[in-house]
Amino acid sequence: MRSKLFSHLCLAGALLLLSESASPADSQLRQEARARRIAYLQRATEGVTLLFNRRHRELNEYVPDKNFYYLTGCSEPGAVLLLIPGKEGPRETLFLARRDPKQERWTGPRMASGRETARRLGMQEVLSLDELPDALAQRAPPKGKVYANLPTGPHREAAEKCCPEPWVRLRRWLPHAEILDSGPELAFLRMKKSEWEIGKIRRAVEITIAGHRNALPAIGPGRFEYEVEAAIEYQFRSRGATRPAFPSIVGSGPNAAVLHYAENNRRMTSGDLVVIDVGAEFDGYSADLTRTYPVSGRFTPRQKEIYNIVLAAQQAALQQVRPGVTFDSIHQAAVETIDSRGRDRQGRRLGRYFIHGTGHHLGLDVHDPVSDRSRPLEPGMVITIEPGIYIPEENLGVRIEDDVLVTRDGYRVLSLELPREVDEIERLMRESLDPAGSPETGGRARDEAAMKTQEVGGS
């Protein structure tokens, strides 16, 4: 009995030691999060803010709420952040769930409330989640405004039904408060990245480029889309990515014309194009890069025509990127370029086959939130530029997407190392060939006869 008790005490001590010695955020992240909280409270000057660390999205693994993480650098499940503006200085308190040593034997050590955790996170105080109701009763006006990261507007009723717990708790604690959305103010801040954030995005981009390059030997007639996906995601993890930033898209033949195709289970055939839209997540930050490759190694004349139109549209859009410009101007440049070149089989302009926007903001989320779509670009913003043409009746889809940093003088393409020109793409495909040239050994069996006669790949 004594031996068993001793072993339990040793385990509990080891878990506590591990929890206290582990660093949840490096020094720079602590400084970043602290500066963000100050900036946020300079905008949210009334009421209180209550951010719940809810699961970010439905995955097999836990991902923290991105707005909560943005302000804390902490990913502890169930944590809650309370921010209160004040003339004497802001008051910030992080509340953590009570530790359960028995549960930690299954799921690993958790952070503990107290001064040491507050020091490590750069937070004024870290209390137990059990203390949150009393803290709100003392610090929040009973009929005042409460900003929270809970859905509002048309999605609010659905959120209350499917995910009731945060709503129930908030209404129980502050039954007469006016609950408002904290999202717009946080989105305003998140749209512009610090140098530290840009460095994280650069690394995510580098890893994603490596994933694209590692995919090339897996592309070929007779190979499956999921083989390409596996080659990409292996490279992500082997280079330190936390996870894919979004479900990887590997769409060949008719699937290339489906924007968010994610089954990745079709066998590629000679003459197909394959659209690969993937991104790695590194230290919470996302990349998003798309290239279109010829499965047989060379573009057919029609594929090359459409590809070059999309490439010209991207170049026209990039020329618009600079401080003071809006996405509307960027999109217009891309559409006008596509409409001025080429036709479909009925002789119609191709702009009708460009069915999405030309880009979006990039950051902690692959589609980073925006406070105002019409807000002009500013130095430090990171966006994507991604025109595309999708013609289902020709089993033809082309998209080219790059990640772009807005600078004081214009822009910088962060993904410039991933080739875009037709000749470069075909050269990469040749270089990726296994000497044996067979799908079984990682190469691609070329069907030159089919390439001469078939302009668009099969079904």
Protein backbone atom coordinates (compact mmCIF):
# COMPACT_ATOMS: atom_id res chain seq x y z
CA MET A 1 0.00 0.00 0.00
CA ARG A 2 2.81 2.38 0.93
CA SER A 3 4.58 1.59 -2.33
CA LYS A 4 1.42 2.27 -4.35
CA LEU A 5 0.84 5.57 -2.55
CA PHE A 6 4.45 6.56 -3.10
CA SER A 7 4.19 5.85 -6.85
CA HIS A 8 1.04 7.97 -7.10
CA LEU A 9 2.74 10.83 -5.28
CA CYS A 10 5.75 10.56 -7.58
CA LEU A 11 3.52 10.65 -10.67
CA ALA A 12 1.62 13.68 -9.42
CA GLY A 13 4.90 15.42 -8.62
CA ALA A 14 6.31 14.62 -12.04
CA LEU A 15 3.21 15.98 -13.75
CA LEU A 16 3.40 19.17 -11.69
CA LEU A 17 7.09 19.60 -12.44
CA LEU A 18 6.50 19.04 -16.14
CA SER A 19 3.64 21.52 -16.18
CA GLU A 20 5.64 24.20 -14.38
CA SER A 21 8.79 23.72 -16.47
CA ALA A 22 7.10 23.59 -19.89
CA SER A 23 6.99 26.91 -21.72
CA PRO A 24 3.57 27.53 -23.34
CA ALA A 25 4.89 30.52 -25.24
CA ASP A 26 8.32 31.92 -25.86
CA SER A 27 9.33 35.38 -24.70
CA GLN A 28 8.50 37.02 -28.02
CA LEU A 29 5.02 35.52 -28.11
CA ARG A 30 4.37 36.79 -24.58
CA GLN A 31 5.41 40.27 -25.66
CA GLU A 32 3.26 40.03 -28.79
CA ALA A 33 0.19 38.89 -26.86
CA ARG A 34 0.65 41.62 -24.25
CA ALA A 35 0.91 44.31 -26.95
CA ARG A 36 -2.23 42.93 -28.64
CA ARG A 37 -4.23 43.09 -25.41
CA ILE A 38 -3.21 46.71 -24.94
CA ALA A 39 -4.12 47.54 -28.54
CA TYR A 40 -7.45 45.78 -28.20
CA LEU A 41 -8.39 47.67 -25.03
CA GLN A 42 -7.50 50.94 -26.73
CA ARG A 43 -10.34 50.15 -29.14
CA ALA A 44 -12.77 48.42 -26.74
CA THR A 45 -12.90 51.14 -24.12
CA GLU A 46 -16.27 50.30 -22.54
CA GLY A 47 -17.74 47.31 -20.79
CA VAL A 48 -15.75 44.13 -20.34
CA THR A 49 -14.46 41.47 -22.73
CA LEU A 50 -14.85 37.78 -22.05
CA LEU A 51 -13.15 35.37 -24.45
CA PHE A 52 -13.75 31.62 -24.21
CA ASN A 53 -11.13 29.22 -25.50
CA ARG A 54 -13.57 27.13 -27.49
CA ARG A 55 -12.47 24.45 -29.97
CA HIS A 56 -11.58 26.31 -33.15
CA ARG A 57 -12.99 23.80 -35.63
CA GLU A 58 -14.16 20.23 -35.84
CA LEU A 59 -11.03 18.13 -36.08
CA ASN A 60 -9.78 14.94 -34.54
CA GLU A 61 -7.28 17.05 -32.65
CA TYR A 62 -7.76 20.02 -30.37
CA VAL A 63 -7.16 23.47 -31.88
CA PRO A 64 -7.62 26.56 -29.67
CA ASP A 65 -9.89 29.45 -30.53
CA LYS A 66 -7.78 31.75 -32.68
CA ASN A 67 -9.01 35.04 -31.18
CA PHE A 68 -8.37 33.73 -27.68
CA TYR A 69 -4.90 32.55 -28.70
CA TYR A 70 -4.19 35.88 -30.42
CA LEU A 71 -4.65 37.76 -27.15
CA THR A 72 -3.07 35.25 -24.77
CA GLY A 73 -0.54 32.99 -26.50
CA CYS A 74 -2.19 30.26 -24.41
CA SER A 75 -3.91 27.16 -25.74
CA GLU A 76 -5.25 25.62 -22.52
CA PRO A 77 -8.65 23.99 -23.17
CA GLY A 78 -11.55 25.61 -21.35
CA ALA A 79 -9.64 28.75 -20.37
CA VAL A 80 -11.38 32.13 -20.23
CA LEU A 81 -9.85 35.61 -20.60
CA LEU A 82 -11.38 38.62 -18.85
CA LEU A 83 -10.29 42.10 -19.97
CA ILE A 84 -11.44 45.29 -18.30
CA PRO A 85 -10.39 48.75 -19.55
CA GLY A 86 -9.72 51.45 -16.98
CA LYS A 87 -8.16 54.85 -16.48
CA GLU A 88 -5.67 53.41 -14.00
CA GLY A 89 -4.66 50.80 -16.56
CA PRO A 90 -6.28 47.70 -17.97
CA ARG A 91 -7.08 44.73 -15.83
CA GLU A 92 -6.49 41.31 -17.36
CA THR A 93 -7.22 37.96 -15.79
CA LEU A 94 -6.89 34.50 -17.22
CA PHE A 95 -9.00 31.75 -15.70
CA LEU A 96 -7.86 28.13 -15.99
CA ALA A 97 -9.71 24.92 -15.30
CA ARG A 98 -8.80 23.18 -12.07
CA ARG A 99 -6.13 20.51 -12.55
CA ASP A 100 -7.12 16.87 -12.25
CA PRO A 101 -4.06 14.60 -11.71
CA LYS A 102 -6.04 11.47 -12.53
CA GLN A 103 -7.22 12.88 -15.85
CA GLU A 104 -3.74 14.15 -16.62
CA ARG A 105 -2.49 10.57 -16.57
CA TRP A 106 -4.57 10.10 -19.73
CA THR A 107 -4.31 13.48 -21.45
CA GLY A 108 -1.06 14.98 -20.16
CA PRO A 109 -0.20 17.81 -17.73
CA ARG A 110 -2.18 21.04 -17.68
CA MET A 111 -1.25 24.53 -16.61
CA ALA A 112 -2.04 25.58 -13.04
CA SER A 113 -3.41 28.90 -11.87
CA GLY A 114 -1.11 31.14 -9.84
CA ARG A 115 1.68 33.67 -10.02
CA GLU A 116 4.19 31.45 -11.82
CA THR A 117 1.83 30.81 -14.73
CA ALA A 118 0.97 34.51 -14.82
CA ARG A 119 4.67 35.32 -15.08
CA ARG A 120 5.26 32.78 -17.83
CA LEU A 121 2.32 34.11 -19.86
CA GLY A 122 2.96 37.79 -19.14
CA MET A 123 -0.54 38.04 -17.65
CA GLN A 124 -1.44 40.23 -14.66
CA GLU A 125 -3.13 37.35 -12.84
CA VAL A 126 -4.14 33.76 -13.48
CA LEU A 127 -6.96 32.39 -11.33
CA SER A 128 -8.98 29.21 -11.15
CA LEU A 129 -12.02 28.98 -13.40
CA ASP A 130 -14.06 28.44 -10.23
CA GLU A 131 -13.37 32.07 -9.32
CA LEU A 132 -14.76 33.53 -12.56
CA PRO A 133 -18.42 34.01 -11.44
CA ASP A 134 -17.38 35.99 -8.36
CA ALA A 135 -14.87 38.02 -10.38
CA LEU A 136 -17.58 38.98 -12.89
CA ALA A 137 -19.99 39.89 -10.10
CA GLN A 138 -17.38 42.25 -8.65
CA ARG A 139 -15.93 43.73 -11.82
CA ALA A 140 -18.63 43.71 -14.53
CA PRO A 141 -21.58 46.16 -14.44
CA PRO A 142 -24.70 43.95 -14.17
CA LYS A 143 -26.44 45.81 -17.04
CA GLY A 144 -23.34 46.84 -18.92
CA LYS A 145 -21.80 45.68 -22.18
CA VAL A 146 -19.99 42.39 -22.49
CA TYR A 147 -17.91 41.68 -25.61
CA ALA A 148 -17.48 37.95 -26.21
CA ASN A 149 -16.22 35.61 -28.93
CA LEU A 150 -19.65 34.06 -29.35
CA PRO A 151 -21.64 34.00 -32.60
CA THR A 152 -24.03 36.88 -33.09
CA GLY A 153 -26.59 37.91 -35.66
CA PRO A 154 -28.26 35.22 -37.81
CA HIS A 155 -25.99 32.46 -36.42
CA ARG A 156 -26.69 33.19 -32.76
CA GLU A 157 -29.83 31.06 -32.36
CA ALA A 158 -28.17 28.08 -34.05
CA ALA A 159 -25.13 28.48 -31.81
CA GLU A 160 -27.27 28.48 -28.67
CA LYS A 161 -28.84 25.19 -29.77
CA CYS A 162 -25.75 23.30 -30.93
CA CYS A 163 -23.17 24.68 -28.48
CA PRO A 164 -25.18 25.92 -25.48
CA GLU A 165 -22.63 25.75 -22.68
CA PRO A 166 -20.86 29.14 -23.09
CA TRP A 167 -24.21 30.86 -23.62
CA VAL A 168 -25.76 29.21 -20.57
CA ARG A 169 -22.84 30.19 -18.36
CA LEU A 170 -22.69 33.75 -19.64
CA ARG A 171 -26.42 34.30 -19.20
CA ARG A 172 -26.28 32.77 -15.73
CA TRP A 173 -23.43 35.03 -14.67
CA LEU A 174 -24.72 38.25 -16.29
CA PRO A 175 -28.45 37.83 -16.97
CA HIS A 176 -29.08 41.51 -17.75
CA ALA A 177 -25.91 42.36 -19.69
CA GLU A 178 -25.83 43.43 -23.33
CA ILE A 179 -23.77 40.77 -25.11
CA LEU A 180 -21.86 42.05 -28.12
CA ASP A 181 -19.46 40.47 -30.61
CA SER A 182 -15.75 41.03 -29.95
CA GLY A 183 -14.91 39.79 -33.46
CA PRO A 184 -14.86 43.08 -35.43
CA GLU A 185 -12.36 44.79 -33.13
CA LEU A 186 -10.13 41.72 -33.07
CA ALA A 187 -10.36 41.34 -36.84
CA PHE A 188 -9.26 44.96 -37.29
CA LEU A 189 -6.10 44.22 -35.31
CA ARG A 190 -5.44 40.84 -36.91
CA MET A 191 -5.55 42.24 -40.46
CA LYS A 192 -2.13 43.85 -40.01
CA LYS A 193 0.75 41.56 -39.03
CA SER A 194 3.81 42.27 -36.93
CA GLU A 195 7.29 41.32 -38.10
CA TRP A 196 7.14 38.33 -35.75
CA GLU A 197 3.90 37.14 -37.33
CA ILE A 198 5.27 37.63 -40.83
CA GLY A 199 8.22 35.44 -39.89
CA LYS A 200 5.84 32.64 -38.85
CA ILE A 201 3.89 32.95 -42.11
CA ARG A 202 7.14 32.88 -44.09
CA ARG A 203 8.06 29.60 -42.44
CA ALA A 204 4.61 28.15 -43.16
CA VAL A 205 5.07 29.18 -46.80
CA GLU A 206 8.50 27.55 -47.00
CA ILE A 207 7.09 24.29 -45.65
CA THR A 208 4.18 24.43 -48.09
CA ILE A 209 6.55 24.94 -51.02
CA ALA A 210 8.45 21.85 -49.90
CA GLY A 211 5.15 19.96 -49.81
CA HIS A 212 4.38 20.95 -53.40
CA ARG A 213 7.80 19.84 -54.57
CA ASN A 214 7.52 16.54 -52.72
CA ALA A 215 4.18 15.88 -54.41
CA LEU A 216 5.54 15.86 -57.96
CA PRO A 217 6.89 12.27 -58.05
CA ALA A 218 3.46 11.05 -56.90
CA ILE A 219 1.67 12.68 -59.85
CA GLY A 220 1.14 10.49 -62.87
CA PRO A 221 -1.31 8.37 -64.86
CA GLY A 222 -2.58 5.52 -62.72
CA ARG A 223 -1.69 7.21 -59.43
CA PHE A 224 -4.34 8.30 -56.91
CA GLU A 225 -4.97 11.78 -55.62
CA TYR A 226 -4.54 10.56 -52.05
CA GLU A 227 -0.98 9.52 -52.84
CA VAL A 228 -0.24 13.13 -53.70
CA GLU A 229 -1.96 14.30 -50.52
CA ALA A 230 0.12 11.87 -48.43
CA ALA A 231 3.39 13.04 -50.01
CA ILE A 232 2.50 16.67 -49.24
CA GLU A 233 1.40 16.16 -45.65
CA TYR A 234 4.39 13.95 -44.89
CA GLN A 235 6.60 16.85 -45.87
CA PHE A 236 4.57 19.22 -43.71
CA ARG A 237 5.08 17.20 -40.54
CA SER A 238 8.69 16.30 -41.28
CA ARG A 239 9.52 20.01 -41.49
CA GLY A 240 7.81 21.02 -38.26
CA ALA A 241 4.32 22.05 -39.32
CA THR A 242 1.68 21.54 -36.64
CA ARG A 243 -0.95 20.36 -39.13
CA PRO A 244 -2.43 21.24 -42.53
CA ALA A 245 -4.00 24.68 -42.28
CA PHE A 246 -7.11 23.30 -44.04
CA PRO A 247 -8.13 20.02 -45.69
CA SER A 248 -5.74 19.47 -48.58
CA ILE A 249 -7.26 19.80 -52.06
CA VAL A 250 -5.87 17.49 -54.77
CA GLY A 251 -8.35 17.59 -57.66
CA SER A 252 -7.61 15.96 -61.00
CA GLY A 253 -9.58 15.87 -64.26
CA PRO A 254 -13.19 16.93 -63.55
CA ASN A 255 -12.31 17.45 -59.88
CA ALA A 256 -9.98 20.29 -60.90
CA ALA A 257 -13.10 22.34 -61.64
CA VAL A 258 -14.52 21.78 -58.13
CA LEU A 259 -13.23 24.59 -55.91
CA HIS A 260 -13.30 22.89 -52.50
CA TYR A 261 -13.00 19.29 -53.59
CA ALA A 262 -11.52 17.30 -50.70
CA GLU A 263 -12.24 13.59 -51.27
CA ASN A 264 -8.88 13.09 -53.00
CA ASN A 265 -9.71 9.54 -54.08
CA ARG A 266 -9.74 9.65 -57.90
CA ARG A 267 -7.20 7.84 -60.05
CA MET A 268 -5.41 10.30 -62.31
CA THR A 269 -5.37 9.66 -66.05
CA SER A 270 -3.24 10.78 -68.95
CA GLY A 271 -4.14 14.25 -70.14
CA ASP A 272 -5.55 15.39 -66.77
CA LEU A 273 -4.67 18.54 -64.96
CA VAL A 274 -4.41 18.32 -61.19
CA VAL A 275 -5.06 21.36 -58.99
CA ILE A 276 -3.16 21.20 -55.69
CA ASP A 277 -4.36 23.73 -53.12
CA VAL A 278 -2.62 23.15 -49.78
CA GLY A 279 -1.16 24.99 -46.83
CA ALA A 280 0.89 24.16 -43.76
CA GLU A 281 0.20 25.61 -40.34
CA PHE A 282 3.31 26.60 -38.40
CA ASP A 283 3.11 27.86 -34.81
CA GLY A 284 -0.54 28.70 -35.45
CA TYR A 285 0.04 30.61 -38.71
CA SER A 286 -1.16 29.46 -42.12
CA ALA A 287 0.06 29.32 -45.69
CA ASP A 288 -2.14 28.79 -48.76
CA LEU A 289 -0.55 27.94 -52.11
CA THR A 290 -2.12 26.53 -55.27
CA ARG A 291 -0.49 25.22 -58.41
CA THR A 292 -1.90 23.34 -61.38
CA TYR A 293 0.17 20.49 -62.83
CA PRO A 294 -0.21 18.35 -65.97
CA VAL A 295 -0.53 14.72 -64.89
CA SER A 296 1.32 13.50 -67.99
CA GLY A 297 4.12 16.00 -67.53
CA ARG A 298 3.21 18.41 -70.33
CA PHE A 299 0.32 20.76 -70.89
CA THR A 300 -1.85 20.25 -73.97
CA PRO A 301 -2.31 23.33 -76.18
CA ARG A 302 -5.74 24.09 -74.65
CA GLN A 303 -4.48 23.58 -71.11
CA LYS A 304 -1.52 25.84 -71.81
CA GLU A 305 -3.83 28.51 -73.23
CA ILE A 306 -6.07 28.55 -70.16
CA TYR A 307 -3.11 28.31 -67.77
CA ASN A 308 -1.41 31.33 -69.34
CA ILE A 309 -4.63 33.34 -69.14
CA VAL A 310 -4.88 32.62 -65.41
CA LEU A 311 -1.20 33.48 -64.99
CA ALA A 312 -1.71 36.79 -66.82
CA ALA A 313 -4.70 37.53 -64.58
CA GLN A 314 -2.58 36.89 -61.50
CA GLN A 315 0.15 39.19 -62.78
CA ALA A 316 -2.41 41.92 -63.50
CA ALA A 317 -3.83 41.53 -60.00
CA LEU A 318 -0.38 41.66 -58.42
CA GLN A 319 0.35 44.92 -60.20
CA GLN A 320 -2.55 46.45 -58.26
CA VAL A 321 -1.24 45.40 -54.84
CA ARG A 322 0.03 48.36 -52.82
CA PRO A 323 -1.06 50.40 -49.80
CA GLY A 324 -4.35 52.22 -50.32
CA VAL A 325 -5.80 49.73 -52.82
CA THR A 326 -8.86 47.59 -52.07
CA PHE A 327 -9.61 44.02 -53.07
CA ASP A 328 -12.25 45.32 -55.47
CA SER A 329 -9.57 46.90 -57.66
CA ILE A 330 -7.44 43.78 -57.50
CA HIS A 331 -10.36 41.55 -58.48
CA GLN A 332 -11.42 43.86 -61.31
CA ALA A 333 -7.94 43.70 -62.84
CA ALA A 334 -8.02 39.90 -62.80
CA VAL A 335 -11.52 39.65 -64.30
CA GLU A 336 -10.79 42.15 -67.06
CA THR A 337 -7.66 40.22 -68.03
CA ILE A 338 -9.52 36.91 -68.20
CA ASP A 339 -12.40 38.43 -70.16
CA SER A 340 -10.03 39.96 -72.70
CA ARG A 341 -8.39 36.66 -73.63
CA GLY A 342 -9.69 33.33 -74.88
CA ARG A 343 -13.19 31.91 -75.28
CA ASP A 344 -15.12 28.81 -74.33
CA ARG A 345 -16.51 26.31 -76.87
CA GLN A 346 -19.52 28.55 -77.48
CA GLY A 347 -17.34 31.58 -78.11
CA ARG A 348 -18.20 33.23 -74.80
CA ARG A 349 -15.80 35.18 -72.62
CA LEU A 350 -14.05 33.24 -69.88
CA GLY A 351 -14.84 35.59 -67.00
CA ARG A 352 -18.02 33.56 -66.38
CA TYR A 353 -15.75 30.67 -65.30
CA PHE A 354 -13.94 32.73 -62.65
CA ILE A 355 -16.40 32.17 -59.83
CA HIS A 356 -14.59 33.30 -56.67
CA GLY A 357 -12.72 36.29 -55.34
CA THR A 358 -9.13 37.01 -56.26
CA GLY A 359 -7.79 36.74 -52.74
CA HIS A 360 -8.24 36.90 -49.00
CA HIS A 361 -6.30 37.82 -45.87
CA LEU A 362 -3.96 35.22 -44.39
CA GLY A 363 -2.74 34.71 -40.84
CA LEU A 364 -3.80 32.63 -37.85
CA ASP A 365 -6.69 31.48 -40.04
CA VAL A 366 -6.22 30.55 -43.67
CA HIS A 367 -9.11 32.94 -44.37
CA ASP A 368 -8.18 35.49 -41.73
CA PRO A 369 -11.11 37.60 -40.51
CA VAL A 370 -11.62 41.12 -41.80
CA SER A 371 -13.32 43.98 -40.02
CA ASP A 372 -14.26 45.66 -43.29
CA ARG A 373 -13.83 44.15 -46.76
CA SER A 374 -13.47 47.66 -48.21
CA ARG A 375 -10.58 48.57 -45.87
CA PRO A 376 -7.62 49.57 -48.07
CA LEU A 377 -4.45 47.53 -47.95
CA GLU A 378 -1.75 48.60 -45.51
CA PRO A 379 1.92 47.63 -45.10
CA GLY A 380 2.13 44.49 -43.01
CA MET A 381 -1.02 42.87 -44.35
CA VAL A 382 -0.61 39.39 -45.85
CA ILE A 383 -3.02 38.31 -48.57
CA THR A 384 -3.42 35.69 -51.27
CA ILE A 385 -3.74 36.37 -54.99
CA GLU A 386 -5.53 33.42 -56.62
CA PRO A 387 -7.38 33.80 -59.93
CA GLY A 388 -8.80 30.69 -61.57
CA ILE A 389 -10.79 29.40 -64.51
CA TYR A 390 -13.03 26.35 -64.14
CA ILE A 391 -14.77 24.89 -67.21
CA PRO A 392 -16.66 21.73 -66.14
CA GLU A 393 -17.74 20.81 -69.68
CA GLU A 394 -14.07 20.56 -70.64
CA ASN A 395 -12.99 18.79 -67.44
CA LEU A 396 -10.65 21.72 -67.07
CA GLY A 397 -9.72 23.72 -64.00
CA VAL A 398 -6.73 25.99 -63.40
CA ARG A 399 -5.89 27.97 -60.28
CA ILE A 400 -2.65 29.73 -59.37
CA GLU A 401 -2.34 31.09 -55.84
CA ASP A 402 0.49 32.87 -54.07
CA ASP A 403 0.92 34.43 -50.64
CA VAL A 404 1.78 38.12 -50.77
CA LEU A 405 3.05 40.64 -48.21
CA VAL A 406 1.95 44.26 -48.67
CA THR A 407 4.96 46.56 -48.28
CA ARG A 408 5.37 50.33 -48.09
CA ASP A 409 6.19 50.49 -51.80
CA GLY A 410 4.06 47.68 -53.17
CA TYR A 411 4.26 43.97 -52.47
CA ARG A 412 6.52 40.98 -52.02
CA VAL A 413 5.52 37.48 -53.15
CA LEU A 414 6.43 35.23 -50.21
CA SER A 415 6.03 32.09 -52.31
CA LEU A 416 8.19 33.22 -55.22
CA GLU A 417 10.36 30.09 -54.96
CA LEU A 418 7.50 27.90 -56.21
CA PRO A 419 7.55 28.16 -60.05
CA ARG A 420 4.52 29.42 -61.96
CA GLU A 421 5.50 29.59 -65.63
CA VAL A 422 4.49 26.77 -67.98
CA ASP A 423 8.08 25.94 -68.93
CA GLU A 424 9.12 25.87 -65.27
CA ILE A 425 6.24 23.60 -64.32
CA GLU A 426 7.04 21.13 -67.11
CA ARG A 427 10.72 21.17 -66.18
CA LEU A 428 9.84 20.36 -62.56
CA MET A 429 7.71 17.46 -63.76
CA ARG A 430 10.58 16.09 -65.85
CA GLU A 431 13.05 16.42 -62.99
CA SER A 432 10.71 14.55 -60.66
CA LEU A 433 10.71 11.45 -62.88
CA ASP A 434 12.04 8.27 -61.36
CA PRO A 435 14.62 6.62 -63.67
CA ALA A 436 12.37 3.57 -63.96
CA GLY A 437 9.51 5.81 -64.99
CA SER A 438 6.87 3.55 -63.43
CA PRO A 439 4.11 4.45 -60.98
CA GLU A 440 5.16 1.58 -58.72
CA THR A 441 8.59 3.12 -58.13
CA GLY A 442 7.42 6.70 -57.81
CA GLY A 443 7.76 7.89 -61.40
CA ARG A 444 5.13 8.59 -64.08
CA ALA A 445 4.54 6.51 -67.17
CA ARG A 446 4.15 9.01 -69.97
CA ASP A 447 1.59 8.50 -72.66
CA GLU A 448 3.01 10.60 -75.48
CA ALA A 449 0.45 9.40 -78.01
CA ALA A 450 -2.37 10.51 -75.78
CA MET A 451 -0.66 13.87 -75.25
CA LYS A 452 -0.68 14.50 -78.99
CA THR A 453 -4.34 13.73 -79.47
CA GLN A 454 -6.09 14.48 -76.20
CA GLU A 455 -6.55 18.06 -75.14
CA VAL A 456 -8.52 17.51 -71.97
CA GLY A 457 -8.30 14.55 -69.59
CA GLY A 458 -10.98 11.94 -68.94
CA SER A 459 -13.70 11.62 -66.38
